[in-house]
Amino acid sequence: MGVLLKLMDERRISTANYITFVNPAPHPDRIMSEHDFLYMIDGSWRIREEEEAFEMHSDDLLILPAGRHHYGDGLSTPHNKHMYIHVIPLGSERAANVNGSGFADGEPGCLAAAEPAEEFAEFHSLIHCQSNPHIKELFQEIIAECWAVSSFREQKLSLLLNLLMLELKEQQEKPYCSSSNSILEEASRLIQTTPQTFFTGKELAERFYVCERTLSNQFKKVYGKTLYAYQMDVKLEMVRQFLLSQPEVKLHETALNFGFCDEFHLSRTFKKKYGVSPSRYREISVD
């Protein structure tokens, strides 16, 4: 059926929290006046919205829009753990989602002329988030902020929710999403967060329990370059930014910070990519 939501508008969250069902339990039978974002941490649950059934498992996210009837189709698994966020809908969102009233000719995905299609983003009701741990982290951050005492609580919640929605939109549109892609994202994050280290394919393969050749092939397929080339591009871009933000740091220290064995190797590699040496690049940029 899908869900229509507006992106980057000011948002209000009414409640957000964690729930654990030690014993199996049904999902509430209800029609809410708010959007219900549900994230499964552990366990499974079968939930129906109108006539459509959604099977939720760990790290699945379900969006149940305001005004639609949803209810449990059986019981949850024991020790079910999940998170929820209840979001107050924007003015036109409820009409756009309820019984196709916002769609031309009652067809989902085709908005009536009164509401231009570009004003809405269309989301899948069920989004698999196993390959994107940042979605879970954002969900948890929103809940923590709901309990926080802050002068900017509402503004921060609105920003966090919009960021979550952007991540969800991007996640559902990924052309290649699998467990191997998840490993690539973790490997990429490791490379970015430990710039002082050069990893071999063997080291990364052993770290993530995959075949070295498979890891190398997937890097080439997804990023369009070898693992070594990807690492080098990341490091050199970090070096370029570092040269500008830390103009007093010596080049031999810069080399050590980004995994180069010495200043000579850094200079040679940097010049090959950018056409000038690191010292000359710093001079040109400062001038």
C-alpha atoms as a PDB file:
ATOM      1  CA  MET A   1       0.000   0.000   0.000  1.00  0.00           C
ATOM      2  CA  GLY A   2       2.823   2.384   0.850  1.00  0.00           C
ATOM      3  CA  VAL A   3       2.915   5.545   2.938  1.00  0.00           C
ATOM      4  CA  LEU A   4       3.061   9.186   1.801  1.00  0.00           C
ATOM      5  CA  LEU A   5       5.011  11.595   3.993  1.00  0.00           C
ATOM      6  CA  LYS A   6       6.522  15.025   3.532  1.00  0.00           C
ATOM      7  CA  LEU A   7      10.247  15.446   4.026  1.00  0.00           C
ATOM      8  CA  MET A   8      12.053  18.235   5.875  1.00  0.00           C
ATOM      9  CA  ASP A   9       8.967  19.822   7.411  1.00  0.00           C
ATOM     10  CA  GLU A  10       8.831  20.700  11.093  1.00  0.00           C
ATOM     11  CA  ARG A  11       7.735  17.586  12.990  1.00  0.00           C
ATOM     12  CA  ARG A  12       6.257  16.858  16.411  1.00  0.00           C
ATOM     13  CA  ILE A  13       6.605  13.571  18.258  1.00  0.00           C
ATOM     14  CA  SER A  14       4.010  12.786  20.919  1.00  0.00           C
ATOM     15  CA  THR A  15       5.635   9.684  22.468  1.00  0.00           C
ATOM     16  CA  ALA A  16       8.511   7.292  21.844  1.00  0.00           C
ATOM     17  CA  ASN A  17       9.694   4.353  23.915  1.00  0.00           C
ATOM     18  CA  TYR A  18      10.851   0.733  24.193  1.00  0.00           C
ATOM     19  CA  ILE A  19       8.437  -2.162  24.782  1.00  0.00           C
ATOM     20  CA  THR A  20       9.127  -5.764  25.806  1.00  0.00           C
ATOM     21  CA  PHE A  21       6.492  -8.512  25.814  1.00  0.00           C
ATOM     22  CA  VAL A  22       7.822 -11.341  27.970  1.00  0.00           C
ATOM     23  CA  ASN A  23       4.801 -13.437  27.019  1.00  0.00           C
ATOM     24  CA  PRO A  24       3.364 -13.557  23.466  1.00  0.00           C
ATOM     25  CA  ALA A  25       0.913 -10.717  22.825  1.00  0.00           C
ATOM     26  CA  PRO A  26      -1.193  -9.398  19.933  1.00  0.00           C
ATOM     27  CA  HIS A  27      -0.619  -6.003  18.386  1.00  0.00           C
ATOM     28  CA  PRO A  28      -3.356  -3.523  19.404  1.00  0.00           C
ATOM     29  CA  ASP A  29      -6.412  -3.334  17.137  1.00  0.00           C
ATOM     30  CA  ARG A  30      -6.790   0.385  16.465  1.00  0.00           C
ATOM     31  CA  ILE A  31      -6.974   3.399  14.203  1.00  0.00           C
ATOM     32  CA  MET A  32      -4.528   6.019  15.435  1.00  0.00           C
ATOM     33  CA  SER A  33      -4.582   9.763  14.948  1.00  0.00           C
ATOM     34  CA  GLU A  34      -0.761   9.652  14.715  1.00  0.00           C
ATOM     35  CA  HIS A  35       1.774   7.930  12.486  1.00  0.00           C
ATOM     36  CA  ASP A  36       3.220   4.872  14.216  1.00  0.00           C
ATOM     37  CA  PHE A  37       6.876   4.033  13.425  1.00  0.00           C
ATOM     38  CA  LEU A  38       7.653   0.560  14.784  1.00  0.00           C
ATOM     39  CA  TYR A  39      11.181  -0.935  14.914  1.00  0.00           C
ATOM     40  CA  MET A  40      11.671  -4.609  15.807  1.00  0.00           C
ATOM     41  CA  ILE A  41      14.750  -5.148  17.988  1.00  0.00           C
ATOM     42  CA  ASP A  42      14.290  -8.842  18.687  1.00  0.00           C
ATOM     43  CA  GLY A  43      11.613 -11.358  17.777  1.00  0.00           C
ATOM     44  CA  SER A  44       8.898 -11.345  15.153  1.00  0.00           C
ATOM     45  CA  TRP A  45       5.335 -10.094  14.764  1.00  0.00           C
ATOM     46  CA  ARG A  46       2.672 -10.309  12.087  1.00  0.00           C
ATOM     47  CA  ILE A  47       0.696  -7.099  11.745  1.00  0.00           C
ATOM     48  CA  ARG A  48      -2.125  -6.273   9.330  1.00  0.00           C
ATOM     49  CA  GLU A  49      -2.990  -2.872   7.961  1.00  0.00           C
ATOM     50  CA  GLU A  50      -6.408  -2.894   6.335  1.00  0.00           C
ATOM     51  CA  GLU A  51      -6.150  -6.131   4.284  1.00  0.00           C
ATOM     52  CA  GLU A  52      -2.378  -6.266   3.890  1.00  0.00           C
ATOM     53  CA  ALA A  53      -0.201  -8.391   6.196  1.00  0.00           C
ATOM     54  CA  PHE A  54       3.363  -7.490   7.201  1.00  0.00           C
ATOM     55  CA  GLU A  55       5.745 -10.029   8.719  1.00  0.00           C
ATOM     56  CA  MET A  56       8.217  -8.213  10.966  1.00  0.00           C
ATOM     57  CA  HIS A  57      11.539  -9.673  12.098  1.00  0.00           C
ATOM     58  CA  SER A  58      14.593  -8.259  13.865  1.00  0.00           C
ATOM     59  CA  ASP A  59      15.748  -4.924  12.416  1.00  0.00           C
ATOM     60  CA  ASP A  60      12.604  -4.437  10.330  1.00  0.00           C
ATOM     61  CA  LEU A  61      10.788  -1.098  10.489  1.00  0.00           C
ATOM     62  CA  LEU A  62       7.068  -0.703   9.855  1.00  0.00           C
ATOM     63  CA  ILE A  63       5.309   2.624   9.191  1.00  0.00           C
ATOM     64  CA  LEU A  64       1.607   2.631  10.058  1.00  0.00           C
ATOM     65  CA  PRO A  65       0.141   5.969   8.945  1.00  0.00           C
ATOM     66  CA  ALA A  66      -2.487   7.911  10.867  1.00  0.00           C
ATOM     67  CA  GLY A  67      -6.083   7.061  10.042  1.00  0.00           C
ATOM     68  CA  ARG A  68      -5.560   3.513   8.756  1.00  0.00           C
ATOM     69  CA  HIS A  69      -6.850   0.466  10.599  1.00  0.00           C
ATOM     70  CA  HIS A  70      -4.109  -1.873  11.812  1.00  0.00           C
ATOM     71  CA  TYR A  71      -4.179  -4.890  14.105  1.00  0.00           C
ATOM     72  CA  GLY A  72      -2.258  -8.008  15.092  1.00  0.00           C
ATOM     73  CA  ASP A  73      -2.499 -11.180  13.030  1.00  0.00           C
ATOM     74  CA  GLY A  74      -1.637 -13.644  15.789  1.00  0.00           C
ATOM     75  CA  LEU A  75       0.724 -13.262  18.730  1.00  0.00           C
ATOM     76  CA  SER A  76       4.256 -11.932  18.922  1.00  0.00           C
ATOM     77  CA  THR A  77       7.121 -14.268  19.718  1.00  0.00           C
ATOM     78  CA  PRO A  78       8.040 -14.534  23.433  1.00  0.00           C
ATOM     79  CA  HIS A  79      10.383 -11.814  24.741  1.00  0.00           C
ATOM     80  CA  ASN A  80       9.505  -9.570  21.835  1.00  0.00           C
ATOM     81  CA  LYS A  81      11.454  -6.305  22.030  1.00  0.00           C
ATOM     82  CA  HIS A  82      10.643  -3.300  19.897  1.00  0.00           C
ATOM     83  CA  MET A  83      10.707   0.492  19.769  1.00  0.00           C
ATOM     84  CA  TYR A  84       8.015   2.893  18.654  1.00  0.00           C
ATOM     85  CA  ILE A  85       7.710   6.562  17.715  1.00  0.00           C
ATOM     86  CA  HIS A  86       4.301   8.234  17.468  1.00  0.00           C
ATOM     87  CA  VAL A  87       4.406  11.228  15.134  1.00  0.00           C
ATOM     88  CA  ILE A  88       1.711  13.887  14.768  1.00  0.00           C
ATOM     89  CA  PRO A  89       0.834  13.977  11.025  1.00  0.00           C
ATOM     90  CA  LEU A  90       1.098  17.100   8.951  1.00  0.00           C
ATOM     91  CA  GLY A  91      -2.175  18.554   7.687  1.00  0.00           C
ATOM     92  CA  SER A  92      -2.398  16.857   4.293  1.00  0.00           C
ATOM     93  CA  GLU A  93      -0.710  13.569   5.184  1.00  0.00           C
ATOM     94  CA  ARG A  94      -3.715  11.960   6.830  1.00  0.00           C
ATOM     95  CA  ALA A  95      -5.971  12.639   3.833  1.00  0.00           C
ATOM     96  CA  ALA A  96      -3.288  11.380   1.450  1.00  0.00           C
ATOM     97  CA  ASN A  97      -2.987   8.060   3.271  1.00  0.00           C
ATOM     98  CA  VAL A  98      -6.506   7.204   4.405  1.00  0.00           C
ATOM     99  CA  ASN A  99      -8.413   4.878   2.064  1.00  0.00           C
ATOM    100  CA  GLY A 100      -6.681   6.337  -0.970  1.00  0.00           C
ATOM    101  CA  SER A 101      -8.546   9.622  -0.478  1.00  0.00           C
ATOM    102  CA  GLY A 102      -5.411  11.535  -1.392  1.00  0.00           C
ATOM    103  CA  PHE A 103      -4.967   9.525  -4.593  1.00  0.00           C
ATOM    104  CA  ALA A 104      -6.514  10.156  -7.962  1.00  0.00           C
ATOM    105  CA  ASP A 105      -9.095   7.485  -8.829  1.00  0.00           C
ATOM    106  CA  GLY A 106      -8.282   5.722  -5.563  1.00  0.00           C
ATOM    107  CA  GLU A 107      -4.981   4.431  -6.980  1.00  0.00           C
ATOM    108  CA  PRO A 108      -2.093   4.363  -4.463  1.00  0.00           C
ATOM    109  CA  GLY A 109       0.905   6.236  -5.796  1.00  0.00           C
ATOM    110  CA  CYS A 110      -1.152   8.671  -7.922  1.00  0.00           C
ATOM    111  CA  LEU A 111      -2.049  11.839  -6.054  1.00  0.00           C
ATOM    112  CA  ALA A 112      -5.035  13.987  -6.786  1.00  0.00           C
ATOM    113  CA  ALA A 113      -4.370  17.247  -8.599  1.00  0.00           C
ATOM    114  CA  ALA A 114      -5.046  19.246  -5.450  1.00  0.00           C
ATOM    115  CA  GLU A 115      -1.896  17.834  -3.850  1.00  0.00           C
ATOM    116  CA  PRO A 116       1.153  17.857  -6.174  1.00  0.00           C
ATOM    117  CA  ALA A 117       3.044  14.559  -6.105  1.00  0.00           C
ATOM    118  CA  GLU A 118       6.396  16.259  -5.561  1.00  0.00           C
ATOM    119  CA  GLU A 119       5.271  17.441  -2.124  1.00  0.00           C
ATOM    120  CA  PHE A 120       5.205  13.858  -0.859  1.00  0.00           C
ATOM    121  CA  ALA A 121       7.795  11.126  -0.597  1.00  0.00           C
ATOM    122  CA  GLU A 122       6.472   7.592  -0.944  1.00  0.00           C
ATOM    123  CA  PHE A 123       7.720   5.046   1.598  1.00  0.00           C
ATOM    124  CA  HIS A 124       7.319   1.307   1.699  1.00  0.00           C
ATOM    125  CA  SER A 125       5.271   0.297   4.725  1.00  0.00           C
ATOM    126  CA  LEU A 126       7.855  -2.340   5.690  1.00  0.00           C
ATOM    127  CA  ILE A 127      11.544  -1.440   5.351  1.00  0.00           C
ATOM    128  CA  HIS A 128      14.347  -3.926   6.027  1.00  0.00           C
ATOM    129  CA  CYS A 129      17.104  -2.137   7.957  1.00  0.00           C
ATOM    130  CA  GLN A 130      19.540  -4.988   8.634  1.00  0.00           C
ATOM    131  CA  SER A 131      22.196  -3.438   6.393  1.00  0.00           C
ATOM    132  CA  ASN A 132      21.905   0.052   7.915  1.00  0.00           C
ATOM    133  CA  PRO A 133      22.603   0.140  11.680  1.00  0.00           C
ATOM    134  CA  HIS A 134      22.394   3.948  11.612  1.00  0.00           C
ATOM    135  CA  ILE A 135      18.595   3.710  11.338  1.00  0.00           C
ATOM    136  CA  LYS A 136      18.424   1.800  14.621  1.00  0.00           C
ATOM    137  CA  GLU A 137      20.814   4.297  16.227  1.00  0.00           C
ATOM    138  CA  LEU A 138      18.646   7.232  15.123  1.00  0.00           C
ATOM    139  CA  PHE A 139      15.566   5.508  16.503  1.00  0.00           C
ATOM    140  CA  GLN A 140      17.315   5.056  19.858  1.00  0.00           C
ATOM    141  CA  GLU A 141      18.561   8.644  19.832  1.00  0.00           C
ATOM    142  CA  ILE A 142      15.028   9.935  19.283  1.00  0.00           C
ATOM    143  CA  ILE A 143      13.753   7.939  22.261  1.00  0.00           C
ATOM    144  CA  ALA A 144      16.608   9.194  24.444  1.00  0.00           C
ATOM    145  CA  GLU A 145      15.851  12.777  23.411  1.00  0.00           C
ATOM    146  CA  CYS A 146      12.168  12.314  24.268  1.00  0.00           C
ATOM    147  CA  TRP A 147      13.233  11.617  27.861  1.00  0.00           C
ATOM    148  CA  ALA A 148      15.834  14.389  27.967  1.00  0.00           C
ATOM    149  CA  VAL A 149      15.462  17.761  29.649  1.00  0.00           C
ATOM    150  CA  SER A 150      16.554  20.286  27.048  1.00  0.00           C
ATOM    151  CA  SER A 151      15.602  23.793  25.978  1.00  0.00           C
ATOM    152  CA  PHE A 152      15.836  22.657  22.351  1.00  0.00           C
ATOM    153  CA  ARG A 153      14.123  19.292  22.772  1.00  0.00           C
ATOM    154  CA  GLU A 154      11.368  19.818  20.192  1.00  0.00           C
ATOM    155  CA  GLN A 155      13.722  21.262  17.585  1.00  0.00           C
ATOM    156  CA  LYS A 156      16.195  18.401  18.050  1.00  0.00           C
ATOM    157  CA  LEU A 157      13.425  15.806  17.799  1.00  0.00           C
ATOM    158  CA  SER A 158      12.154  17.349  14.567  1.00  0.00           C
ATOM    159  CA  LEU A 159      15.646  17.302  13.062  1.00  0.00           C
ATOM    160  CA  LEU A 160      16.320  13.732  14.187  1.00  0.00           C
ATOM    161  CA  LEU A 161      13.007  12.500  12.806  1.00  0.00           C
ATOM    162  CA  ASN A 162      13.622  14.138   9.445  1.00  0.00           C
ATOM    163  CA  LEU A 163      17.076  12.576   9.361  1.00  0.00           C
ATOM    164  CA  LEU A 164      15.534   9.187  10.145  1.00  0.00           C
ATOM    165  CA  MET A 165      13.041   9.589   7.302  1.00  0.00           C
ATOM    166  CA  LEU A 166      15.811  10.515   4.864  1.00  0.00           C
ATOM    167  CA  GLU A 167      17.773   7.430   5.918  1.00  0.00           C
ATOM    168  CA  LEU A 168      14.685   5.260   5.417  1.00  0.00           C
ATOM    169  CA  LYS A 169      14.024   6.754   1.992  1.00  0.00           C
ATOM    170  CA  GLU A 170      17.612   6.126   0.961  1.00  0.00           C
ATOM    171  CA  GLN A 171      17.562   2.617   2.427  1.00  0.00           C
ATOM    172  CA  GLN A 172      14.521   1.479   0.460  1.00  0.00           C
ATOM    173  CA  GLU A 173      15.975   2.849  -2.771  1.00  0.00           C
ATOM    174  CA  LYS A 174      19.349   1.125  -2.522  1.00  0.00           C
ATOM    175  CA  PRO A 175      19.827  -0.889  -5.720  1.00  0.00           C
ATOM    176  CA  TYR A 176      22.035  -3.419  -3.985  1.00  0.00           C
ATOM    177  CA  CYS A 177      21.179  -4.401  -0.441  1.00  0.00           C
ATOM    178  CA  SER A 178      22.333  -7.685   1.071  1.00  0.00           C
ATOM    179  CA  SER A 179      24.429  -9.132   3.872  1.00  0.00           C
ATOM    180  CA  SER A 180      27.544  -8.690   1.711  1.00  0.00           C
ATOM    181  CA  ASN A 181      26.660  -5.024   1.224  1.00  0.00           C
ATOM    182  CA  SER A 182      26.320  -4.685   4.990  1.00  0.00           C
ATOM    183  CA  ILE A 183      29.845  -6.044   5.372  1.00  0.00           C
ATOM    184  CA  LEU A 184      31.105  -3.523   2.827  1.00  0.00           C
ATOM    185  CA  GLU A 185      29.512  -0.675   4.776  1.00  0.00           C
ATOM    186  CA  GLU A 186      31.111  -1.909   7.998  1.00  0.00           C
ATOM    187  CA  ALA A 187      34.487  -2.262   6.277  1.00  0.00           C
ATOM    188  CA  SER A 188      34.142   1.218   4.803  1.00  0.00           C
ATOM    189  CA  ARG A 189      33.256   2.660   8.207  1.00  0.00           C
ATOM    190  CA  LEU A 190      36.277   0.929   9.762  1.00  0.00           C
ATOM    191  CA  ILE A 191      38.566   2.442   7.116  1.00  0.00           C
ATOM    192  CA  GLN A 192      37.101   5.906   7.706  1.00  0.00           C
ATOM    193  CA  THR A 193      37.341   5.732  11.507  1.00  0.00           C
ATOM    194  CA  THR A 194      40.901   4.347  11.644  1.00  0.00           C
ATOM    195  CA  PRO A 195      42.734   6.517   9.087  1.00  0.00           C
ATOM    196  CA  GLN A 196      46.104   5.736  10.675  1.00  0.00           C
ATOM    197  CA  THR A 197      45.895   2.126   9.465  1.00  0.00           C
ATOM    198  CA  PHE A 198      46.181   0.543   6.026  1.00  0.00           C
ATOM    199  CA  PHE A 199      44.218  -2.717   5.924  1.00  0.00           C
ATOM    200  CA  THR A 200      45.050  -5.586   3.619  1.00  0.00           C
ATOM    201  CA  GLY A 201      42.252  -7.554   1.990  1.00  0.00           C
ATOM    202  CA  LYS A 202      43.253 -10.546   4.107  1.00  0.00           C
ATOM    203  CA  GLU A 203      42.975  -8.551   7.346  1.00  0.00           C
ATOM    204  CA  LEU A 204      39.500  -7.247   6.510  1.00  0.00           C
ATOM    205  CA  ALA A 205      38.314 -10.649   5.269  1.00  0.00           C
ATOM    206  CA  GLU A 206      39.390 -12.310   8.509  1.00  0.00           C
ATOM    207  CA  ARG A 207      37.832  -9.518  10.567  1.00  0.00           C
ATOM    208  CA  PHE A 208      34.429  -9.893   8.875  1.00  0.00           C
ATOM    209  CA  TYR A 209      34.589 -13.693   8.323  1.00  0.00           C
ATOM    210  CA  VAL A 210      34.352 -13.606   4.538  1.00  0.00           C
ATOM    211  CA  CYS A 211      36.480 -14.853   1.643  1.00  0.00           C
ATOM    212  CA  GLU A 212      39.161 -12.341   0.622  1.00  0.00           C
ATOM    213  CA  ARG A 213      38.350 -12.735  -3.066  1.00  0.00           C
ATOM    214  CA  THR A 214      34.621 -12.213  -2.413  1.00  0.00           C
ATOM    215  CA  LEU A 215      35.334  -9.062  -0.414  1.00  0.00           C
ATOM    216  CA  SER A 216      37.611  -7.731  -3.149  1.00  0.00           C
ATOM    217  CA  ASN A 217      35.066  -8.472  -5.886  1.00  0.00           C
ATOM    218  CA  GLN A 218      32.237  -6.818  -3.953  1.00  0.00           C
ATOM    219  CA  PHE A 219      34.319  -3.690  -3.330  1.00  0.00           C
ATOM    220  CA  LYS A 220      34.938  -3.446  -7.053  1.00  0.00           C
ATOM    221  CA  LYS A 221      31.257  -4.016  -7.845  1.00  0.00           C
ATOM    222  CA  VAL A 222      29.788  -1.540  -5.357  1.00  0.00           C
ATOM    223  CA  TYR A 223      32.441   1.205  -5.200  1.00  0.00           C
ATOM    224  CA  GLY A 224      33.867   0.805  -8.702  1.00  0.00           C
ATOM    225  CA  LYS A 225      37.434   0.483  -7.436  1.00  0.00           C
ATOM    226  CA  THR A 226      39.702  -1.962  -5.655  1.00  0.00           C
ATOM    227  CA  LEU A 227      39.925  -2.100  -1.874  1.00  0.00           C
ATOM    228  CA  TYR A 228      43.415  -0.560  -2.020  1.00  0.00           C
ATOM    229  CA  ALA A 229      42.266   2.259  -4.329  1.00  0.00           C
ATOM    230  CA  TYR A 230      39.253   2.945  -2.113  1.00  0.00           C
ATOM    231  CA  GLN A 231      41.428   3.193   1.000  1.00  0.00           C
ATOM    232  CA  MET A 232      43.937   5.439  -0.753  1.00  0.00           C
ATOM    233  CA  ASP A 233      41.231   7.805  -2.022  1.00  0.00           C
ATOM    234  CA  VAL A 234      39.686   8.064   1.458  1.00  0.00           C
ATOM    235  CA  LYS A 235      43.053   8.749   3.104  1.00  0.00           C
ATOM    236  CA  LEU A 236      44.202  11.304   0.542  1.00  0.00           C
ATOM    237  CA  GLU A 237      40.942  13.231   0.837  1.00  0.00           C
ATOM    238  CA  MET A 238      41.344  13.184   4.617  1.00  0.00           C
ATOM    239  CA  VAL A 239      44.933  14.410   4.216  1.00  0.00           C
ATOM    240  CA  ARG A 240      43.772  17.206   1.911  1.00  0.00           C
ATOM    241  CA  GLN A 241      41.258  18.429   4.481  1.00  0.00           C
ATOM    242  CA  PHE A 242      43.769  17.989   7.311  1.00  0.00           C
ATOM    243  CA  LEU A 243      46.364  20.157   5.533  1.00  0.00           C
ATOM    244  CA  LEU A 244      43.880  23.036   5.488  1.00  0.00           C
ATOM    245  CA  SER A 245      42.447  22.624   8.977  1.00  0.00           C
ATOM    246  CA  GLN A 246      45.803  21.942  10.697  1.00  0.00           C
ATOM    247  CA  PRO A 247      48.316  24.202   8.904  1.00  0.00           C
ATOM    248  CA  GLU A 248      50.885  24.015  11.714  1.00  0.00           C
ATOM    249  CA  VAL A 249      51.243  20.215  11.749  1.00  0.00           C
ATOM    250  CA  LYS A 250      54.425  18.991  10.101  1.00  0.00           C
ATOM    251  CA  LEU A 251      54.186  16.725   7.059  1.00  0.00           C
ATOM    252  CA  HIS A 252      55.955  13.816   8.745  1.00  0.00           C
ATOM    253  CA  GLU A 253      53.306  13.913  11.520  1.00  0.00           C
ATOM    254  CA  THR A 254      50.561  14.121   8.922  1.00  0.00           C
ATOM    255  CA  ALA A 255      51.985  11.037   7.211  1.00  0.00           C
ATOM    256  CA  LEU A 256      51.903   9.060  10.463  1.00  0.00           C
ATOM    257  CA  ASN A 257      48.347  10.211  11.224  1.00  0.00           C
ATOM    258  CA  PHE A 258      47.077   8.727   7.966  1.00  0.00           C
ATOM    259  CA  GLY A 259      49.022   5.487   7.754  1.00  0.00           C
ATOM    260  CA  PHE A 260      51.857   6.492   5.410  1.00  0.00           C
ATOM    261  CA  CYS A 261      55.255   5.150   6.356  1.00  0.00           C
ATOM    262  CA  ASP A 262      56.949   8.517   5.900  1.00  0.00           C
ATOM    263  CA  GLU A 263      56.641  12.010   4.453  1.00  0.00           C
ATOM    264  CA  PHE A 264      58.213  10.977   1.129  1.00  0.00           C
ATOM    265  CA  HIS A 265      55.552   8.330   0.389  1.00  0.00           C
ATOM    266  CA  LEU A 266      52.767  10.712   1.351  1.00  0.00           C
ATOM    267  CA  SER A 267      54.111  13.491  -0.876  1.00  0.00           C
ATOM    268  CA  ARG A 268      54.590  11.209  -3.852  1.00  0.00           C
ATOM    269  CA  THR A 269      51.091   9.713  -3.589  1.00  0.00           C
ATOM    270  CA  PHE A 270      49.422  13.074  -2.907  1.00  0.00           C
ATOM    271  CA  LYS A 271      51.101  14.696  -5.925  1.00  0.00           C
ATOM    272  CA  LYS A 272      50.032  11.813  -8.154  1.00  0.00           C
ATOM    273  CA  LYS A 273      46.377  12.426  -7.245  1.00  0.00           C
ATOM    274  CA  TYR A 274      46.220  16.222  -6.907  1.00  0.00           C
ATOM    275  CA  GLY A 275      49.076  17.352  -9.175  1.00  0.00           C
ATOM    276  CA  VAL A 276      50.969  19.224  -6.440  1.00  0.00           C
ATOM    277  CA  SER A 277      52.862  18.229  -3.314  1.00  0.00           C
ATOM    278  CA  PRO A 278      51.144  18.514   0.102  1.00  0.00           C
ATOM    279  CA  SER A 279      53.366  21.466   1.099  1.00  0.00           C
ATOM    280  CA  ARG A 280      52.646  23.287  -2.169  1.00  0.00           C
ATOM    281  CA  TYR A 281      48.902  22.543  -1.872  1.00  0.00           C
ATOM    282  CA  ARG A 282      48.922  24.073   1.605  1.00  0.00           C
ATOM    283  CA  GLU A 283      50.733  27.190   0.346  1.00  0.00           C
ATOM    284  CA  ILE A 284      48.344  27.656  -2.581  1.00  0.00           C
ATOM    285  CA  SER A 285      45.257  27.187  -0.394  1.00  0.00           C
ATOM    286  CA  VAL A 286      46.482  29.582   2.296  1.00  0.00           C
ATOM    287  CA  ASP A 287      47.296  32.237  -0.296  1.00  0.00           C
END
